[in-house]
């Protein structure tokens, strides 16, 4: 009987320990009452020569708040959603999105943020080849990836 209980509890325990996997879209419950108007995105709209291993940072500076709910998606040059991992930042209202695999070279990517009646779209282009020196904006203390890819995930961040 004890063995049966452990077999039933094991998937839930592994999910809690390993965390969520990569998703094609995230819907984040922020616990705030702002808007997309104050959002900052790195890489910035129109950036060129972005390293293919770069993480995407979405945040609101002090004095501004995100909407109660927002949706994030990254799309590649064929308008296909890219699998990403989500990590909360050290600052309030800060999220990092790590692509599941390195991005393609010399490709235009689109970041989409949507709220109830708002939408922000930002574009960036990746570096042309892999022989250039690269820098990264991976957040400090970022750990290894965990979990496998899924289509969509909802994250609640009531603070």
N, C-alpha and C. Protein backbone atom coordinates (compact mmCIF):
# COMPACT_ATOMS: atom_id res chain seq x y z
N UNK A 1 0.81 -1.19 0.00
CA UNK A 1 0.00 0.00 0.00
C UNK A 1 0.87 1.27 0.00
N UNK A 2 1.92 1.25 0.79
CA UNK A 2 2.81 2.41 0.87
C UNK A 2 3.48 2.64 -0.49
N UNK A 3 3.87 1.58 -1.16
CA UNK A 3 4.51 1.68 -2.46
C UNK A 3 3.54 2.29 -3.49
N UNK A 4 2.28 1.89 -3.42
CA UNK A 4 1.25 2.42 -4.31
C UNK A 4 1.08 3.92 -4.10
N UNK A 5 1.05 4.37 -2.85
CA UNK A 5 0.93 5.79 -2.54
C UNK A 5 2.12 6.58 -3.09
N UNK A 6 3.33 6.03 -2.94
CA UNK A 6 4.52 6.70 -3.44
C UNK A 6 4.48 6.83 -4.96
N UNK A 7 4.00 5.80 -5.65
CA UNK A 7 3.89 5.86 -7.10
C UNK A 7 2.90 6.94 -7.54
N UNK A 8 1.82 7.12 -6.78
CA UNK A 8 0.86 8.17 -7.10
C UNK A 8 1.41 9.56 -6.81
N UNK A 9 2.19 9.71 -5.76
CA UNK A 9 2.71 11.01 -5.35
C UNK A 9 3.96 11.42 -6.13
N UNK A 10 4.66 10.48 -6.72
CA UNK A 10 5.92 10.77 -7.41
C UNK A 10 5.79 11.80 -8.54
N UNK A 11 4.81 11.71 -9.44
CA UNK A 11 4.71 12.72 -10.51
C UNK A 11 4.52 14.14 -9.97
N UNK A 12 3.70 14.31 -8.96
CA UNK A 12 3.49 15.65 -8.38
C UNK A 12 4.77 16.16 -7.74
N UNK A 13 5.48 15.28 -7.05
CA UNK A 13 6.73 15.68 -6.41
C UNK A 13 7.77 16.08 -7.45
N UNK A 14 7.91 15.30 -8.50
CA UNK A 14 8.87 15.64 -9.55
C UNK A 14 8.52 16.96 -10.22
N UNK A 15 7.25 17.19 -10.45
CA UNK A 15 6.82 18.44 -11.06
C UNK A 15 7.18 19.62 -10.17
N UNK A 16 6.98 19.49 -8.87
CA UNK A 16 7.30 20.57 -7.93
C UNK A 16 8.81 20.81 -7.86
N UNK A 17 9.59 19.75 -7.89
CA UNK A 17 11.04 19.88 -7.77
C UNK A 17 11.65 20.40 -9.07
N UNK A 18 11.24 19.85 -10.19
CA UNK A 18 11.84 20.21 -11.47
C UNK A 18 11.31 21.52 -12.04
N UNK A 19 10.12 21.92 -11.66
CA UNK A 19 9.56 23.17 -12.16
C UNK A 19 8.89 22.96 -13.51
N UNK A 20 8.55 24.08 -14.11
CA UNK A 20 7.84 24.06 -15.38
C UNK A 20 8.81 23.98 -16.53
N UNK A 21 8.39 23.39 -17.61
CA UNK A 21 9.23 23.29 -18.78
C UNK A 21 9.06 24.49 -19.69
N UNK A 22 9.53 24.36 -20.91
CA UNK A 22 9.42 25.43 -21.89
C UNK A 22 8.01 25.48 -22.45
N UNK A 23 7.59 26.68 -22.82
CA UNK A 23 6.24 26.89 -23.36
C UNK A 23 6.31 27.82 -24.56
N UNK A 24 5.29 27.76 -25.40
CA UNK A 24 5.22 28.63 -26.57
C UNK A 24 4.59 29.98 -26.24
N UNK A 25 3.88 30.05 -25.11
CA UNK A 25 3.23 31.29 -24.71
C UNK A 25 3.04 31.25 -23.20
N UNK A 26 3.19 32.39 -22.57
CA UNK A 26 2.96 32.50 -21.13
C UNK A 26 1.90 33.54 -20.86
N UNK A 27 0.97 33.22 -19.98
CA UNK A 27 0.02 34.19 -19.46
C UNK A 27 0.37 34.38 -18.00
N UNK A 28 0.68 35.63 -17.64
CA UNK A 28 1.17 35.94 -16.30
C UNK A 28 0.14 36.77 -15.55
N UNK A 29 -0.30 36.28 -14.41
CA UNK A 29 -1.16 37.04 -13.51
C UNK A 29 -0.23 37.86 -12.62
N UNK A 30 -0.18 39.18 -12.80
CA UNK A 30 0.83 40.00 -12.15
C UNK A 30 0.46 40.49 -10.76
N UNK A 31 -0.82 40.55 -10.45
CA UNK A 31 -1.25 41.12 -9.18
C UNK A 31 -1.18 42.64 -9.16
N UNK A 32 -0.98 43.27 -10.32
CA UNK A 32 -0.88 44.73 -10.43
C UNK A 32 -2.10 45.28 -11.16
N UNK A 33 -2.17 46.60 -11.28
CA UNK A 33 -3.30 47.25 -11.95
C UNK A 33 -2.87 48.28 -12.97
N UNK A 34 -1.69 48.11 -13.55
CA UNK A 34 -1.18 49.08 -14.51
C UNK A 34 -1.56 48.75 -15.94
N UNK A 35 -0.63 49.05 -16.85
CA UNK A 35 -0.87 48.81 -18.27
C UNK A 35 0.45 48.43 -18.95
N UNK A 36 0.38 48.15 -20.23
CA UNK A 36 1.58 47.85 -21.00
C UNK A 36 2.37 49.12 -21.34
N UNK A 37 1.80 50.28 -21.07
CA UNK A 37 2.41 51.55 -21.48
C UNK A 37 3.83 51.74 -20.94
N UNK A 38 4.13 51.30 -19.74
CA UNK A 38 5.45 51.53 -19.17
C UNK A 38 6.45 50.41 -19.37
N UNK A 39 6.10 49.39 -20.14
CA UNK A 39 6.94 48.21 -20.27
C UNK A 39 8.29 48.53 -20.92
N UNK A 40 9.32 47.83 -20.46
CA UNK A 40 10.65 47.90 -21.07
C UNK A 40 11.00 46.48 -21.51
N UNK A 41 11.57 46.36 -22.69
CA UNK A 41 11.93 45.06 -23.25
C UNK A 41 13.38 45.11 -23.70
N UNK A 42 14.14 44.08 -23.34
CA UNK A 42 15.53 43.93 -23.79
C UNK A 42 15.63 42.55 -24.43
N UNK A 43 16.02 42.46 -25.71
CA UNK A 43 16.55 43.52 -26.55
C UNK A 43 15.47 44.53 -26.94
N UNK A 44 15.91 45.76 -27.20
CA UNK A 44 14.98 46.82 -27.54
C UNK A 44 14.46 46.66 -28.96
N UNK A 45 13.33 47.29 -29.22
CA UNK A 45 12.73 47.27 -30.55
C UNK A 45 13.73 47.83 -31.56
N UNK A 46 14.00 47.06 -32.60
CA UNK A 46 14.91 47.49 -33.66
C UNK A 46 16.36 47.12 -33.44
N UNK A 47 16.70 46.46 -32.34
CA UNK A 47 18.10 46.07 -32.10
C UNK A 47 18.56 45.08 -33.17
N UNK A 48 19.83 45.27 -33.58
CA UNK A 48 20.47 44.37 -34.55
C UNK A 48 21.64 43.67 -33.88
N UNK A 49 22.05 42.57 -34.49
CA UNK A 49 23.24 41.84 -34.05
C UNK A 49 23.10 41.32 -32.62
N UNK A 50 21.90 40.89 -32.28
CA UNK A 50 21.62 40.35 -30.94
C UNK A 50 22.18 38.93 -30.86
N UNK A 51 22.92 38.60 -29.81
CA UNK A 51 23.47 37.24 -29.68
C UNK A 51 22.37 36.18 -29.70
N UNK A 52 22.65 35.06 -30.34
CA UNK A 52 21.63 34.01 -30.50
C UNK A 52 21.30 33.31 -29.18
N UNK A 53 22.14 33.45 -28.16
CA UNK A 53 21.85 32.80 -26.87
C UNK A 53 21.27 33.79 -25.85
N UNK A 54 20.90 34.97 -26.30
CA UNK A 54 20.41 36.02 -25.41
C UNK A 54 19.05 35.68 -24.81
N UNK A 55 18.87 36.03 -23.55
CA UNK A 55 17.57 35.93 -22.89
C UNK A 55 16.83 37.24 -23.10
N UNK A 56 15.51 37.18 -23.05
CA UNK A 56 14.68 38.37 -23.22
C UNK A 56 14.20 38.82 -21.84
N UNK A 57 14.37 40.09 -21.59
CA UNK A 57 13.96 40.67 -20.30
C UNK A 57 12.76 41.58 -20.53
N UNK A 58 11.70 41.35 -19.75
CA UNK A 58 10.50 42.19 -19.78
C UNK A 58 10.31 42.71 -18.36
N UNK A 59 10.21 44.05 -18.23
CA UNK A 59 10.10 44.61 -16.88
C UNK A 59 9.42 45.98 -16.91
N UNK A 60 8.98 46.40 -15.74
CA UNK A 60 8.41 47.72 -15.54
C UNK A 60 9.30 48.45 -14.54
N UNK A 61 9.79 49.65 -14.88
CA UNK A 61 10.63 50.39 -13.95
C UNK A 61 9.84 50.87 -12.74
N UNK A 62 10.56 51.26 -11.69
CA UNK A 62 9.92 51.76 -10.48
C UNK A 62 8.95 52.89 -10.84
N UNK A 63 7.78 52.87 -10.21
CA UNK A 63 6.77 53.89 -10.46
C UNK A 63 5.75 53.49 -11.51
N UNK A 64 5.94 52.36 -12.17
CA UNK A 64 4.94 51.88 -13.13
C UNK A 64 4.64 50.42 -12.85
N UNK A 65 3.47 49.99 -13.28
CA UNK A 65 3.03 48.61 -13.01
C UNK A 65 2.48 47.97 -14.28
N UNK A 66 2.61 46.67 -14.39
CA UNK A 66 2.02 45.95 -15.53
C UNK A 66 0.51 45.81 -15.36
N UNK A 67 -0.17 45.39 -16.41
CA UNK A 67 -1.60 45.12 -16.28
C UNK A 67 -1.82 43.89 -15.38
N UNK A 68 -3.05 43.67 -14.93
CA UNK A 68 -3.32 42.51 -14.07
C UNK A 68 -2.93 41.18 -14.70
N UNK A 69 -3.06 41.10 -16.02
CA UNK A 69 -2.70 39.87 -16.73
C UNK A 69 -2.03 40.25 -18.04
N UNK A 70 -0.95 39.57 -18.37
CA UNK A 70 -0.30 39.81 -19.66
C UNK A 70 0.13 38.49 -20.25
N UNK A 71 0.21 38.48 -21.57
CA UNK A 71 0.63 37.28 -22.31
C UNK A 71 1.89 37.61 -23.08
N UNK A 72 2.88 36.71 -23.00
CA UNK A 72 4.15 36.86 -23.71
C UNK A 72 4.29 35.76 -24.74
N UNK A 73 4.78 36.12 -25.93
CA UNK A 73 5.14 35.13 -26.95
C UNK A 73 6.31 35.68 -27.75
N UNK A 74 7.20 34.79 -28.15
CA UNK A 74 8.32 35.11 -29.04
C UNK A 74 8.08 34.36 -30.34
N UNK A 75 8.16 35.08 -31.47
CA UNK A 75 7.94 34.46 -32.78
C UNK A 75 9.18 34.60 -33.64
N UNK A 76 9.44 33.56 -34.45
CA UNK A 76 10.60 33.60 -35.33
C UNK A 76 10.24 34.21 -36.68
N UNK A 77 11.16 34.13 -37.63
CA UNK A 77 10.96 34.72 -38.95
C UNK A 77 9.80 34.14 -39.73
N UNK A 78 9.35 32.94 -39.40
CA UNK A 78 8.21 32.33 -40.08
C UNK A 78 6.92 32.55 -39.30
N UNK A 79 6.97 33.39 -38.26
CA UNK A 79 5.83 33.72 -37.40
C UNK A 79 5.38 32.54 -36.53
N UNK A 80 6.30 31.61 -36.31
CA UNK A 80 6.04 30.47 -35.43
C UNK A 80 6.47 30.82 -34.02
N UNK A 81 5.66 30.48 -33.03
CA UNK A 81 6.04 30.74 -31.64
C UNK A 81 7.25 29.88 -31.26
N UNK A 82 8.19 30.52 -30.56
CA UNK A 82 9.42 29.87 -30.12
C UNK A 82 9.24 29.40 -28.69
N UNK A 83 9.69 28.18 -28.39
CA UNK A 83 9.64 27.67 -27.02
C UNK A 83 10.59 28.46 -26.14
N UNK A 84 10.11 28.89 -24.98
CA UNK A 84 10.94 29.62 -24.02
C UNK A 84 10.68 29.12 -22.61
N UNK A 85 11.65 29.34 -21.76
CA UNK A 85 11.51 29.11 -20.32
C UNK A 85 11.27 30.46 -19.66
N UNK A 86 10.55 30.46 -18.58
CA UNK A 86 10.27 31.68 -17.82
C UNK A 86 11.02 31.66 -16.50
N UNK A 87 11.60 32.80 -16.14
CA UNK A 87 12.25 32.96 -14.84
C UNK A 87 11.86 34.35 -14.33
N UNK A 88 11.39 34.40 -13.07
CA UNK A 88 11.10 35.70 -12.48
C UNK A 88 12.41 36.40 -12.15
N UNK A 89 12.43 37.71 -12.34
CA UNK A 89 13.62 38.50 -12.06
C UNK A 89 13.74 38.85 -10.59
N UNK A 90 14.83 39.50 -10.26
CA UNK A 90 15.07 39.93 -8.88
C UNK A 90 14.26 41.16 -8.51
N UNK A 91 13.89 41.97 -9.51
CA UNK A 91 13.09 43.16 -9.26
C UNK A 91 11.62 42.81 -9.35
N UNK A 92 10.81 43.63 -8.72
CA UNK A 92 9.36 43.45 -8.83
C UNK A 92 8.95 43.75 -10.27
N UNK A 93 8.04 42.98 -10.80
CA UNK A 93 7.54 43.13 -12.16
C UNK A 93 8.67 42.98 -13.19
N UNK A 94 9.44 41.93 -13.03
CA UNK A 94 10.52 41.63 -13.98
C UNK A 94 10.48 40.14 -14.31
N UNK A 95 10.50 39.82 -15.62
CA UNK A 95 10.51 38.44 -16.06
C UNK A 95 11.56 38.26 -17.14
N UNK A 96 12.21 37.09 -17.14
CA UNK A 96 13.21 36.71 -18.14
C UNK A 96 12.67 35.52 -18.92
N UNK A 97 12.86 35.53 -20.23
CA UNK A 97 12.43 34.44 -21.10
C UNK A 97 13.65 33.91 -21.84
N UNK A 98 13.97 32.64 -21.59
CA UNK A 98 15.12 32.00 -22.23
C UNK A 98 14.63 31.08 -23.34
N UNK A 99 15.06 31.31 -24.57
CA UNK A 99 14.68 30.38 -25.64
C UNK A 99 15.13 28.96 -25.32
N UNK A 100 14.32 27.99 -25.67
CA UNK A 100 14.60 26.57 -25.42
C UNK A 100 15.90 26.15 -26.08
N UNK A 101 16.15 26.68 -27.27
CA UNK A 101 17.40 26.44 -28.00
C UNK A 101 17.93 27.80 -28.44
N UNK A 102 19.21 27.86 -28.80
CA UNK A 102 19.75 29.11 -29.33
C UNK A 102 18.90 29.56 -30.51
N UNK A 103 18.75 30.86 -30.65
CA UNK A 103 18.00 31.41 -31.78
C UNK A 103 18.78 31.21 -33.07
N UNK A 104 18.11 31.34 -34.19
CA UNK A 104 18.77 31.21 -35.50
C UNK A 104 19.57 32.48 -35.80
N UNK A 105 20.66 32.31 -36.52
CA UNK A 105 21.47 33.44 -36.93
C UNK A 105 20.74 34.24 -38.01
N UNK A 106 21.04 35.54 -38.05
CA UNK A 106 20.55 36.43 -39.09
C UNK A 106 19.04 36.28 -39.33
N UNK A 107 18.27 36.36 -38.24
CA UNK A 107 16.83 36.17 -38.30
C UNK A 107 16.12 37.28 -37.53
N UNK A 108 14.99 37.69 -38.06
CA UNK A 108 14.16 38.68 -37.36
C UNK A 108 13.23 37.93 -36.40
N UNK A 109 13.17 38.39 -35.16
CA UNK A 109 12.27 37.83 -34.16
C UNK A 109 11.29 38.89 -33.68
N UNK A 110 10.12 38.43 -33.30
CA UNK A 110 9.07 39.34 -32.83
C UNK A 110 8.68 38.95 -31.41
N UNK A 111 8.66 39.94 -30.52
CA UNK A 111 8.19 39.76 -29.15
C UNK A 111 6.79 40.35 -29.10
N UNK A 112 5.83 39.58 -28.59
CA UNK A 112 4.46 40.06 -28.45
C UNK A 112 4.06 40.07 -26.99
N UNK A 113 3.57 41.19 -26.53
CA UNK A 113 2.98 41.30 -25.20
C UNK A 113 1.54 41.75 -25.41
N UNK A 114 0.61 41.03 -24.79
CA UNK A 114 -0.80 41.38 -24.92
C UNK A 114 -1.42 41.47 -23.54
N UNK A 115 -2.32 42.42 -23.39
CA UNK A 115 -3.15 42.55 -22.20
C UNK A 115 -4.59 42.60 -22.72
N UNK A 116 -5.52 42.85 -21.84
CA UNK A 116 -6.93 42.79 -22.22
C UNK A 116 -7.24 43.57 -23.50
N UNK A 117 -6.89 44.84 -23.55
CA UNK A 117 -7.18 45.65 -24.74
C UNK A 117 -5.93 46.38 -25.25
N UNK A 118 -4.76 45.84 -24.95
CA UNK A 118 -3.49 46.45 -25.36
C UNK A 118 -2.59 45.40 -26.00
N UNK A 119 -1.68 45.89 -26.83
CA UNK A 119 -0.70 44.99 -27.44
C UNK A 119 0.58 45.78 -27.70
N UNK A 120 1.72 45.17 -27.38
CA UNK A 120 3.02 45.75 -27.69
C UNK A 120 3.78 44.73 -28.52
N UNK A 121 4.33 45.17 -29.64
CA UNK A 121 5.11 44.31 -30.51
C UNK A 121 6.49 44.94 -30.66
N UNK A 122 7.52 44.11 -30.52
CA UNK A 122 8.90 44.58 -30.61
C UNK A 122 9.68 43.60 -31.48
N UNK A 123 10.54 44.13 -32.35
CA UNK A 123 11.33 43.29 -33.25
C UNK A 123 12.82 43.44 -32.96
N UNK A 124 13.56 42.35 -33.17
CA UNK A 124 15.02 42.41 -33.11
C UNK A 124 15.59 41.42 -34.10
N UNK A 125 16.85 41.64 -34.49
CA UNK A 125 17.52 40.77 -35.45
C UNK A 125 18.75 40.16 -34.79
N UNK A 126 18.95 38.86 -35.02
CA UNK A 126 20.09 38.18 -34.41
C UNK A 126 21.36 38.40 -35.24
N UNK A 127 22.48 38.08 -34.61
CA UNK A 127 23.79 38.26 -35.24
C UNK A 127 23.89 37.44 -36.52
N UNK A 128 24.81 37.85 -37.39
CA UNK A 128 24.92 37.24 -38.70
C UNK A 128 25.65 35.91 -38.72
N UNK A 129 26.66 35.73 -37.88
CA UNK A 129 27.37 34.47 -37.90
C UNK A 129 27.89 34.15 -36.50
N UNK A 130 28.41 32.96 -36.32
CA UNK A 130 28.83 32.51 -34.99
C UNK A 130 30.30 32.77 -34.70
N UNK A 131 30.99 33.54 -35.54
CA UNK A 131 32.41 33.78 -35.30
C UNK A 131 32.66 35.06 -34.52
N UNK A 132 31.63 35.88 -34.30
CA UNK A 132 31.80 37.13 -33.56
C UNK A 132 31.82 36.86 -32.06
N UNK A 133 32.50 37.71 -31.35
CA UNK A 133 32.47 37.62 -29.88
C UNK A 133 31.06 37.99 -29.43
N UNK A 134 30.57 37.27 -28.45
CA UNK A 134 29.21 37.51 -27.99
C UNK A 134 29.19 37.90 -26.53
N UNK A 135 28.20 38.70 -26.19
CA UNK A 135 27.92 38.98 -24.79
C UNK A 135 26.52 38.46 -24.53
N UNK A 136 26.15 38.37 -23.29
CA UNK A 136 24.84 37.83 -22.96
C UNK A 136 24.20 38.64 -21.86
N UNK A 137 22.90 38.64 -21.82
CA UNK A 137 22.20 39.31 -20.74
C UNK A 137 21.49 38.30 -19.85
N UNK A 138 22.06 37.12 -19.70
CA UNK A 138 21.49 36.09 -18.84
C UNK A 138 21.51 36.60 -17.40
N UNK A 139 20.40 36.48 -16.68
CA UNK A 139 20.34 37.03 -15.33
C UNK A 139 21.31 36.34 -14.38
N UNK A 140 21.83 37.06 -13.39
CA UNK A 140 22.75 36.47 -12.42
C UNK A 140 22.09 35.30 -11.70
N UNK A 141 22.85 34.26 -11.46
CA UNK A 141 22.35 33.11 -10.72
C UNK A 141 21.40 32.22 -11.50
N UNK A 142 21.33 32.42 -12.81
CA UNK A 142 20.43 31.60 -13.62
C UNK A 142 20.89 30.16 -13.57
N UNK A 143 19.98 29.28 -13.26
CA UNK A 143 20.32 27.87 -13.15
C UNK A 143 20.09 27.14 -14.45
N UNK A 144 20.28 25.83 -14.42
CA UNK A 144 20.07 25.03 -15.62
C UNK A 144 18.60 24.93 -15.97
N UNK A 145 18.33 24.63 -17.21
CA UNK A 145 16.95 24.42 -17.65
C UNK A 145 16.39 23.17 -17.01
N UNK A 146 15.10 23.20 -16.71
CA UNK A 146 14.46 22.02 -16.16
C UNK A 146 13.13 21.80 -16.86
N UNK A 147 12.70 20.56 -16.92
CA UNK A 147 11.42 20.24 -17.52
C UNK A 147 11.48 20.22 -19.03
N UNK A 148 10.45 19.70 -19.65
CA UNK A 148 10.40 19.61 -21.09
C UNK A 148 9.46 20.65 -21.68
N UNK A 149 9.40 20.76 -23.01
CA UNK A 149 8.58 21.78 -23.65
C UNK A 149 7.09 21.48 -23.59
N UNK A 150 6.29 22.52 -23.44
CA UNK A 150 4.84 22.45 -23.49
C UNK A 150 4.35 23.64 -24.30
N UNK A 151 3.09 23.63 -24.74
CA UNK A 151 2.59 24.71 -25.56
C UNK A 151 2.35 26.01 -24.81
N UNK A 152 1.78 25.94 -23.62
CA UNK A 152 1.37 27.15 -22.94
C UNK A 152 1.43 26.95 -21.44
N UNK A 153 1.60 28.04 -20.69
CA UNK A 153 1.68 27.95 -19.25
C UNK A 153 1.18 29.24 -18.63
N UNK A 154 0.47 29.16 -17.52
CA UNK A 154 0.00 30.33 -16.79
C UNK A 154 0.79 30.42 -15.49
N UNK A 155 1.30 31.61 -15.21
CA UNK A 155 2.13 31.84 -14.02
C UNK A 155 1.44 32.87 -13.15
N UNK A 156 1.24 32.59 -11.88
CA UNK A 156 0.66 33.56 -10.95
C UNK A 156 1.77 34.12 -10.09
N UNK A 157 1.86 35.45 -10.06
CA UNK A 157 2.93 36.10 -9.31
C UNK A 157 2.36 37.16 -8.38
N UNK A 158 1.37 36.83 -7.60
CA UNK A 158 0.79 37.78 -6.66
C UNK A 158 1.85 38.16 -5.65
N UNK A 159 2.17 39.47 -5.60
CA UNK A 159 3.23 39.93 -4.70
C UNK A 159 2.67 40.86 -3.66
